[in-house]
């Protein structure tokens, strides 16, 4: 029997589950998966993102037991298995973060599954970071995955010392994705008129500040009146924003078949990846050589320049790290505070009385200065 890997939506959830697989949300707001034919016995399955899902599914489908490879205790593979099943931190990660870290660990375990934990030192982790120095983002993600794993292991007393402590990230300066400009927005609006899905997608990212992973999920069910409220796919943080009249008008003018605000040409919601590729093509058509993320950066910049404080940006854009919001407010706040400070100084200087000579009527100031000089 041939099974096909399920496709995933923007949140990492399978768009269509394999035959006889059912999902259920627990009281902890987590999805769990079961295999069940009709009213028969339910068999718990791993998350479809888990590499072990396919083998477990086939075993449940055929009735043949899964012969799992032996996992040796106190090895890297053993620790990873315990971490992903026992750690509350891991369970708290979003589906996209879990998927990202599984891919990282799959490459690490490929040649190091049986590496003894006692042999994994700070030097080993630093070497792993340094190997990825040409792609600093990958190096950072690798280190983040290792820190989550080993800090949990240290807390559970499975290892004596955390080898990630003191490991340095690759140093590089980057502003990331280039931000859109106001002219870019004008160009996009000129090329893509109101009533098209690409225009609505752009306005949702600019005016509501949504990520692309949230644009593909946003629907009428998230809107009450003019208030949009939804949990973000990336961090799980809830965002609540008021939709301006111009955005509501674009939404009402854009045709759709289902609940999703933005649909593809077939009337179906996008995946995060397909949306990114599609939107980049629409940007190119408008002469904008930038990405969806750069549009969100413009939105945050405009908010900061308009007076939005750090906590405003955290709430609107769904960030959980205050340092992210400060990227946008730091320069603006410094400029604003500098202007305010200079006005305060000017006001204080203006209060200082400057003594002047008492010039009587008909007296010449120049003669008075000369007289004063001779004395």
Protein backbone atom coordinates (compact mmCIF):
# COMPACT_ATOMS: atom_id res chain seq x y z
CA UNK A 1 0.00 0.00 0.00
CA UNK A 2 1.21 3.46 -0.86
CA UNK A 3 0.55 6.33 1.53
CA UNK A 4 0.99 9.96 0.70
CA UNK A 5 2.38 12.48 3.12
CA UNK A 6 -0.36 14.90 4.19
CA UNK A 7 -0.14 18.54 3.10
CA UNK A 8 -0.11 21.18 5.80
CA UNK A 9 -1.80 24.51 6.28
CA UNK A 10 -0.15 27.67 7.62
CA UNK A 11 -0.30 26.47 11.23
CA UNK A 12 1.40 23.15 10.55
CA UNK A 13 -1.89 21.24 10.85
CA UNK A 14 -2.56 18.63 8.11
CA UNK A 15 -5.00 20.00 5.55
CA UNK A 16 -6.42 16.53 4.92
CA UNK A 17 -5.73 13.67 7.30
CA UNK A 18 -5.02 10.15 6.01
CA UNK A 19 -7.82 7.60 5.92
CA UNK A 20 -9.24 6.69 9.37
CA UNK A 21 -7.14 9.30 11.17
CA UNK A 22 -9.07 11.66 13.44
CA UNK A 23 -7.97 14.68 15.44
CA UNK A 24 -9.22 15.89 18.78
CA UNK A 25 -8.40 18.94 20.90
CA UNK A 26 -7.55 18.28 24.55
CA UNK A 27 -8.48 20.46 27.53
CA UNK A 28 -4.97 21.90 27.23
CA UNK A 29 -5.83 23.22 23.75
CA UNK A 30 -3.51 20.71 22.04
CA UNK A 31 -4.37 18.54 19.08
CA UNK A 32 -4.00 14.75 19.44
CA UNK A 33 -4.44 12.17 16.70
CA UNK A 34 -6.07 8.73 16.66
CA UNK A 35 -6.52 5.89 14.22
CA UNK A 36 -10.01 4.44 14.27
CA UNK A 37 -12.09 2.49 11.76
CA UNK A 38 -15.77 3.14 12.29
CA UNK A 39 -16.59 2.52 15.95
CA UNK A 40 -13.63 0.24 16.48
CA UNK A 41 -10.69 0.59 18.83
CA UNK A 42 -8.87 3.93 18.93
CA UNK A 43 -5.10 3.87 18.54
CA UNK A 44 -3.12 6.96 19.51
CA UNK A 45 -0.78 8.24 16.79
CA UNK A 46 2.12 10.71 16.83
CA UNK A 47 1.60 14.17 15.40
CA UNK A 48 1.66 14.02 11.57
CA UNK A 49 4.71 16.31 11.70
CA UNK A 50 6.57 13.59 13.60
CA UNK A 51 8.78 11.34 11.43
CA UNK A 52 7.38 8.37 13.39
CA UNK A 53 3.82 9.08 12.20
CA UNK A 54 3.99 7.14 8.94
CA UNK A 55 5.25 3.93 10.56
CA UNK A 56 2.68 4.14 13.36
CA UNK A 57 -0.11 4.81 10.87
CA UNK A 58 0.88 1.85 8.69
CA UNK A 59 1.03 -0.42 11.75
CA UNK A 60 -2.49 0.61 12.78
CA UNK A 61 -3.77 0.25 9.22
CA UNK A 62 -2.29 -3.20 8.57
CA UNK A 63 -2.45 -4.55 12.11
CA UNK A 64 1.24 -5.33 12.10
CA UNK A 65 3.26 -4.17 15.12
CA UNK A 66 5.87 -1.50 14.66
CA UNK A 67 9.37 -2.78 15.17
CA UNK A 68 11.07 0.27 16.59
CA UNK A 69 14.84 0.48 16.33
CA UNK A 70 16.60 0.12 19.66
CA UNK A 71 17.36 3.41 21.35
CA UNK A 72 20.34 3.34 23.69
CA UNK A 73 20.01 5.10 27.01
CA UNK A 74 21.99 8.30 27.68
CA UNK A 75 22.49 8.99 23.99
CA UNK A 76 21.46 12.05 22.03
CA UNK A 77 18.63 10.15 20.33
CA UNK A 78 17.35 8.91 23.71
CA UNK A 79 17.38 12.43 25.15
CA UNK A 80 15.59 13.90 22.13
CA UNK A 81 12.87 11.26 22.40
CA UNK A 82 12.28 12.04 26.06
CA UNK A 83 12.36 15.79 25.49
CA UNK A 84 9.70 15.73 22.75
CA UNK A 85 7.35 13.53 24.80
CA UNK A 86 7.90 14.78 28.37
CA UNK A 87 8.89 18.45 28.16
CA UNK A 88 6.25 21.10 28.83
CA UNK A 89 8.40 23.58 26.92
CA UNK A 90 8.29 21.40 23.82
CA UNK A 91 4.53 20.96 24.09
CA UNK A 92 4.19 24.74 24.36
CA UNK A 93 5.95 25.35 21.04
CA UNK A 94 3.80 26.16 18.02
CA UNK A 95 3.44 23.51 15.32
CA UNK A 96 5.74 25.49 13.02
CA UNK A 97 8.48 25.74 15.67
CA UNK A 98 8.23 22.03 16.42
CA UNK A 99 8.49 21.24 12.73
CA UNK A 100 11.52 23.50 12.34
CA UNK A 101 13.33 21.92 15.28
CA UNK A 102 12.48 18.38 14.17
CA UNK A 103 14.10 19.09 10.81
CA UNK A 104 17.20 20.47 12.55
CA UNK A 105 17.46 17.45 14.84
CA UNK A 106 16.86 15.00 11.99
CA UNK A 107 20.08 16.26 10.40
CA UNK A 108 21.94 16.24 13.71
CA UNK A 109 20.82 12.71 14.61
CA UNK A 110 21.68 11.37 11.18
CA UNK A 111 25.29 10.88 12.22
CA UNK A 112 25.08 11.38 15.97
CA UNK A 113 22.06 9.42 17.18
CA UNK A 114 24.16 7.20 19.45
CA UNK A 115 26.52 9.92 20.63
CA UNK A 116 26.93 9.67 24.40
CA UNK A 117 25.57 12.67 26.27
CA UNK A 118 28.76 12.79 28.33
CA UNK A 119 30.72 13.42 25.13
CA UNK A 120 28.66 16.45 24.10
CA UNK A 121 30.58 19.42 25.48
CA UNK A 122 30.47 23.16 24.99
CA UNK A 123 33.12 22.80 22.28
CA UNK A 124 30.92 20.34 20.38
CA UNK A 125 27.93 22.70 20.41
CA UNK A 126 30.12 25.67 19.46
CA UNK A 127 31.51 23.66 16.56
CA UNK A 128 27.95 22.96 15.40
CA UNK A 129 27.21 26.70 15.47
CA UNK A 130 30.45 27.60 13.70
CA UNK A 131 29.78 25.06 10.93
CA UNK A 132 26.69 27.06 10.07
CA UNK A 133 28.40 30.47 10.13
CA UNK A 134 27.66 31.14 6.45
CA UNK A 135 23.93 30.99 7.26
CA UNK A 136 23.67 32.83 10.59
CA UNK A 137 19.92 32.32 10.85
CA UNK A 138 20.38 28.55 10.65
CA UNK A 139 23.16 28.75 13.22
CA UNK A 140 20.87 30.66 15.56
CA UNK A 141 18.03 28.18 15.09
CA UNK A 142 20.39 25.27 15.72
CA UNK A 143 21.58 26.86 18.96
CA UNK A 144 18.02 27.61 20.04
CA UNK A 145 17.06 23.95 19.55
CA UNK A 146 20.10 22.74 21.47
CA UNK A 147 19.49 25.15 24.34
CA UNK A 148 15.90 24.01 24.71
CA UNK A 149 16.95 20.37 24.73
CA UNK A 150 19.91 20.57 27.10
CA UNK A 151 18.47 23.13 29.52
CA UNK A 152 15.54 20.75 30.03
CA UNK A 153 17.91 17.81 30.44
CA UNK A 154 19.87 19.72 33.10
CA UNK A 155 16.68 20.64 34.95
CA UNK A 156 15.60 16.98 34.90
CA UNK A 157 19.10 15.95 36.14
CA UNK A 158 19.70 13.80 33.09
CA UNK A 159 23.04 15.57 32.50
CA UNK A 160 25.50 17.15 34.93
CA UNK A 161 26.18 20.35 32.96
CA UNK A 162 24.45 22.20 30.17
CA UNK A 163 26.89 22.25 27.19
CA UNK A 164 25.09 25.18 25.55
CA UNK A 165 26.00 27.65 28.32
CA UNK A 166 28.60 30.09 27.05
CA UNK A 167 28.18 29.14 23.38
CA UNK A 168 28.27 32.26 21.23
CA UNK A 169 25.99 33.00 18.33
CA UNK A 170 27.62 34.02 15.05
CA UNK A 171 28.05 37.76 15.07
CA UNK A 172 26.59 39.51 12.05
CA UNK A 173 24.73 42.66 11.31
CA UNK A 174 21.59 42.41 9.29
CA UNK A 175 18.37 44.35 9.08
CA UNK A 176 16.65 41.24 7.76
CA UNK A 177 13.99 41.64 5.13
CA UNK A 178 13.98 45.15 3.62
CA UNK A 179 10.97 47.19 4.67
CA UNK A 180 8.48 48.47 2.13
CA UNK A 181 8.28 52.17 1.47
CA UNK A 182 5.19 54.33 1.05
CA UNK A 183 5.98 54.46 -2.67
CA UNK A 184 5.96 50.64 -2.75
CA UNK A 185 2.47 50.66 -1.26
CA UNK A 186 1.31 53.22 -3.83
CA UNK A 187 2.74 51.13 -6.65
CA UNK A 188 1.09 47.95 -5.40
CA UNK A 189 -2.27 49.67 -4.95
CA UNK A 190 -2.05 51.09 -8.47
CA UNK A 191 -1.32 47.68 -10.01
CA UNK A 192 -3.74 45.59 -7.91
CA UNK A 193 -7.16 47.15 -7.59
CA UNK A 194 -9.74 46.81 -4.84
CA UNK A 195 -11.66 43.55 -5.23
CA UNK A 196 -8.63 41.33 -5.87
CA UNK A 197 -7.32 38.88 -3.23
CA UNK A 198 -3.80 40.27 -3.56
CA UNK A 199 -5.01 43.77 -2.68
CA UNK A 200 -6.87 42.44 0.37
CA UNK A 201 -3.83 40.42 1.47
CA UNK A 202 -1.60 43.49 1.24
CA UNK A 203 -4.03 45.65 3.22
CA UNK A 204 -4.37 42.99 5.94
CA UNK A 205 -0.61 42.94 6.46
CA UNK A 206 -0.25 46.72 6.28
CA UNK A 207 -3.32 47.97 8.15
CA UNK A 208 -3.96 45.02 10.52
CA UNK A 209 -0.29 44.02 10.84
CA UNK A 210 -0.92 40.29 10.24
CA UNK A 211 1.86 37.83 9.41
CA UNK A 212 1.48 35.80 6.25
CA UNK A 213 0.86 32.71 8.44
CA UNK A 214 -2.11 34.57 9.96
CA UNK A 215 -3.40 36.05 6.70
CA UNK A 216 -3.95 32.52 5.36
CA UNK A 217 -5.97 31.60 8.47
CA UNK A 218 -7.93 34.83 9.05
CA UNK A 219 -11.64 34.49 8.36
CA UNK A 220 -15.04 35.98 9.02
CA UNK A 221 -15.23 33.92 12.22
CA UNK A 222 -12.44 36.07 13.67
CA UNK A 223 -14.31 39.34 13.10
CA UNK A 224 -17.01 40.87 15.26
CA UNK A 225 -18.21 44.23 14.01
CA UNK A 226 -14.97 45.97 13.11
CA UNK A 227 -12.80 44.06 15.63
CA UNK A 228 -10.54 41.24 14.44
CA UNK A 229 -9.27 38.91 17.16
CA UNK A 230 -7.28 35.71 16.61
CA UNK A 231 -4.43 33.62 18.01
CA UNK A 232 -1.29 34.00 15.93
CA UNK A 233 0.11 30.88 14.31
CA UNK A 234 3.75 31.64 15.12
CA UNK A 235 3.65 32.51 18.84
CA UNK A 236 0.11 31.65 19.89
CA UNK A 237 -0.29 35.20 21.22
CA UNK A 238 -3.74 36.66 20.75
CA UNK A 239 -4.02 39.85 18.71
CA UNK A 240 -7.04 42.13 18.75
CA UNK A 241 -7.17 45.05 16.32
CA UNK A 242 -9.76 47.48 15.03
CA UNK A 243 -10.17 47.34 11.27
CA UNK A 244 -10.25 50.77 9.59
CA UNK A 245 -12.99 51.70 7.14
CA UNK A 246 -10.70 51.38 4.14
CA UNK A 247 -9.86 47.77 5.02
CA UNK A 248 -13.49 46.87 5.73
CA UNK A 249 -14.40 48.28 2.32
CA UNK A 250 -11.73 46.15 0.60
CA UNK A 251 -12.96 43.05 2.47
CA UNK A 252 -16.59 43.67 1.44
CA UNK A 253 -15.59 44.17 -2.19
CA UNK A 254 -13.41 41.04 -2.46
CA UNK A 255 -15.40 37.93 -3.49
CA UNK A 256 -14.85 34.68 -1.60
CA UNK A 257 -16.45 31.25 -1.43
CA UNK A 258 -15.73 30.27 2.16
CA UNK A 259 -14.95 31.87 5.52
CA UNK A 260 -11.30 32.63 4.76
CA UNK A 261 -10.67 36.25 3.85
CA UNK A 262 -8.00 35.46 1.26
CA UNK A 263 -8.48 32.54 -1.12
CA UNK A 264 -6.49 31.21 -4.06
CA UNK A 265 -7.72 30.98 -7.63
CA UNK A 266 -9.61 27.76 -6.80
CA UNK A 267 -11.52 29.33 -3.93
CA UNK A 268 -9.44 27.56 -1.29
CA UNK A 269 -7.29 28.96 1.50
CA UNK A 270 -3.53 29.22 0.92
CA UNK A 271 -0.83 27.44 2.84
CA UNK A 272 1.78 29.73 4.33
CA UNK A 273 4.38 28.63 1.78
CA UNK A 274 2.14 28.88 -1.28
CA UNK A 275 0.91 32.28 -0.13
CA UNK A 276 4.49 33.55 0.15
CA UNK A 277 5.32 32.48 -3.39
CA UNK A 278 2.05 33.85 -4.78
CA UNK A 279 2.36 37.19 -3.03
CA UNK A 280 5.95 37.65 -4.16
CA UNK A 281 4.79 37.18 -7.75
CA UNK A 282 2.13 39.84 -7.22
CA UNK A 283 4.77 42.16 -5.78
CA UNK A 284 6.95 41.64 -8.84
CA UNK A 285 4.02 42.49 -11.10
CA UNK A 286 3.72 45.79 -9.23
CA UNK A 287 7.43 46.51 -9.48
CA UNK A 288 8.01 45.86 -5.76
CA UNK A 289 11.07 43.68 -5.17
CA UNK A 290 10.28 42.94 -1.52
CA UNK A 291 8.48 40.36 0.56
CA UNK A 292 5.38 40.08 2.71
CA UNK A 293 7.51 40.38 5.84
CA UNK A 294 8.89 43.70 4.65
CA UNK A 295 5.35 45.04 4.40
CA UNK A 296 4.72 44.19 8.05
CA UNK A 297 7.93 46.02 8.95
CA UNK A 298 6.58 49.16 7.30
CA UNK A 299 3.36 48.76 9.26
CA UNK A 300 5.24 48.54 12.57
CA UNK A 301 7.47 51.48 11.64
CA UNK A 302 4.48 53.68 10.83
CA UNK A 303 2.86 52.69 14.12
CA UNK A 304 5.98 53.60 16.08
CA UNK A 305 6.42 56.89 14.25
CA UNK A 306 2.80 57.70 14.97
CA UNK A 307 3.39 57.39 18.70
CA UNK A 308 2.69 53.71 19.43
CA UNK A 309 4.63 52.60 22.51
CA UNK A 310 6.37 49.25 22.95
CA UNK A 311 3.37 47.61 24.64
CA UNK A 312 1.11 48.80 21.80
CA UNK A 313 3.31 47.06 19.24
CA UNK A 314 3.48 43.86 21.31
CA UNK A 315 -0.32 43.73 21.40
CA UNK A 316 -0.94 44.57 17.75
CA UNK A 317 1.74 42.45 16.11
CA UNK A 318 1.59 39.44 18.41
CA UNK A 319 5.21 39.63 19.54
CA UNK A 320 6.18 38.01 22.83
CA UNK A 321 9.71 39.42 22.99
CA UNK A 322 9.90 43.06 24.01
CA UNK A 323 13.24 43.40 22.19
CA UNK A 324 11.41 42.92 18.87
CA UNK A 325 9.11 45.85 19.53
CA UNK A 326 12.01 48.00 20.69
CA UNK A 327 13.63 47.62 17.28
CA UNK A 328 10.91 49.92 15.96
CA UNK A 329 10.46 52.22 18.96
CA UNK A 330 14.07 52.78 19.99
CA UNK A 331 15.09 55.17 17.23
CA UNK A 332 11.71 56.89 17.14
CA UNK A 333 11.66 57.31 20.93
CA UNK A 334 15.18 58.71 20.95
CA UNK A 335 14.29 61.25 18.26
CA UNK A 336 11.04 62.20 20.01
CA UNK A 337 12.71 62.47 23.42
CA UNK A 338 15.58 64.46 21.93
CA UNK A 339 13.18 67.00 20.44
CA UNK A 340 11.22 67.21 23.67
CA UNK A 341 14.46 67.62 25.64
CA UNK A 342 15.70 70.42 23.43
CA UNK A 343 12.40 72.26 23.90
CA UNK A 344 12.73 71.92 27.67
CA UNK A 345 16.25 73.35 27.56
CA UNK A 346 15.06 76.25 25.39
CA UNK A 347 12.23 76.97 27.79
CA UNK A 348 14.58 76.97 30.77
CA UNK A 349 17.07 79.22 29.01
CA UNK A 350 14.22 81.58 28.19
CA UNK A 351 13.49 81.93 31.88
CA UNK A 352 16.96 83.28 32.65
CA UNK A 353 16.96 87.07 32.94
CA UNK A 354 19.81 88.62 30.98
CA UNK A 355 20.96 91.94 32.52
CA UNK A 356 21.03 94.91 30.13
CA UNK A 357 22.37 98.49 30.77
CA UNK A 358 19.72 101.02 31.69
CA UNK A 359 19.75 103.20 28.62
CA UNK A 360 18.12 106.58 29.09
CA UNK A 361 16.33 108.43 26.39
CA UNK A 362 18.71 109.87 23.81
CA UNK A 363 21.69 107.79 24.96
CA UNK A 364 23.74 106.03 22.29
CA UNK A 365 24.46 102.34 23.08
CA UNK A 366 27.77 102.51 21.20
CA UNK A 367 28.98 105.46 23.31
CA UNK A 368 28.02 103.64 26.47
CA UNK A 369 30.03 100.59 25.41
CA UNK A 370 33.06 102.76 24.61
CA UNK A 371 32.79 104.52 27.96
CA UNK A 372 32.58 101.21 29.75
CA UNK A 373 35.68 100.00 27.87
CA UNK A 374 37.78 102.98 28.86
CA UNK A 375 36.98 102.46 32.51
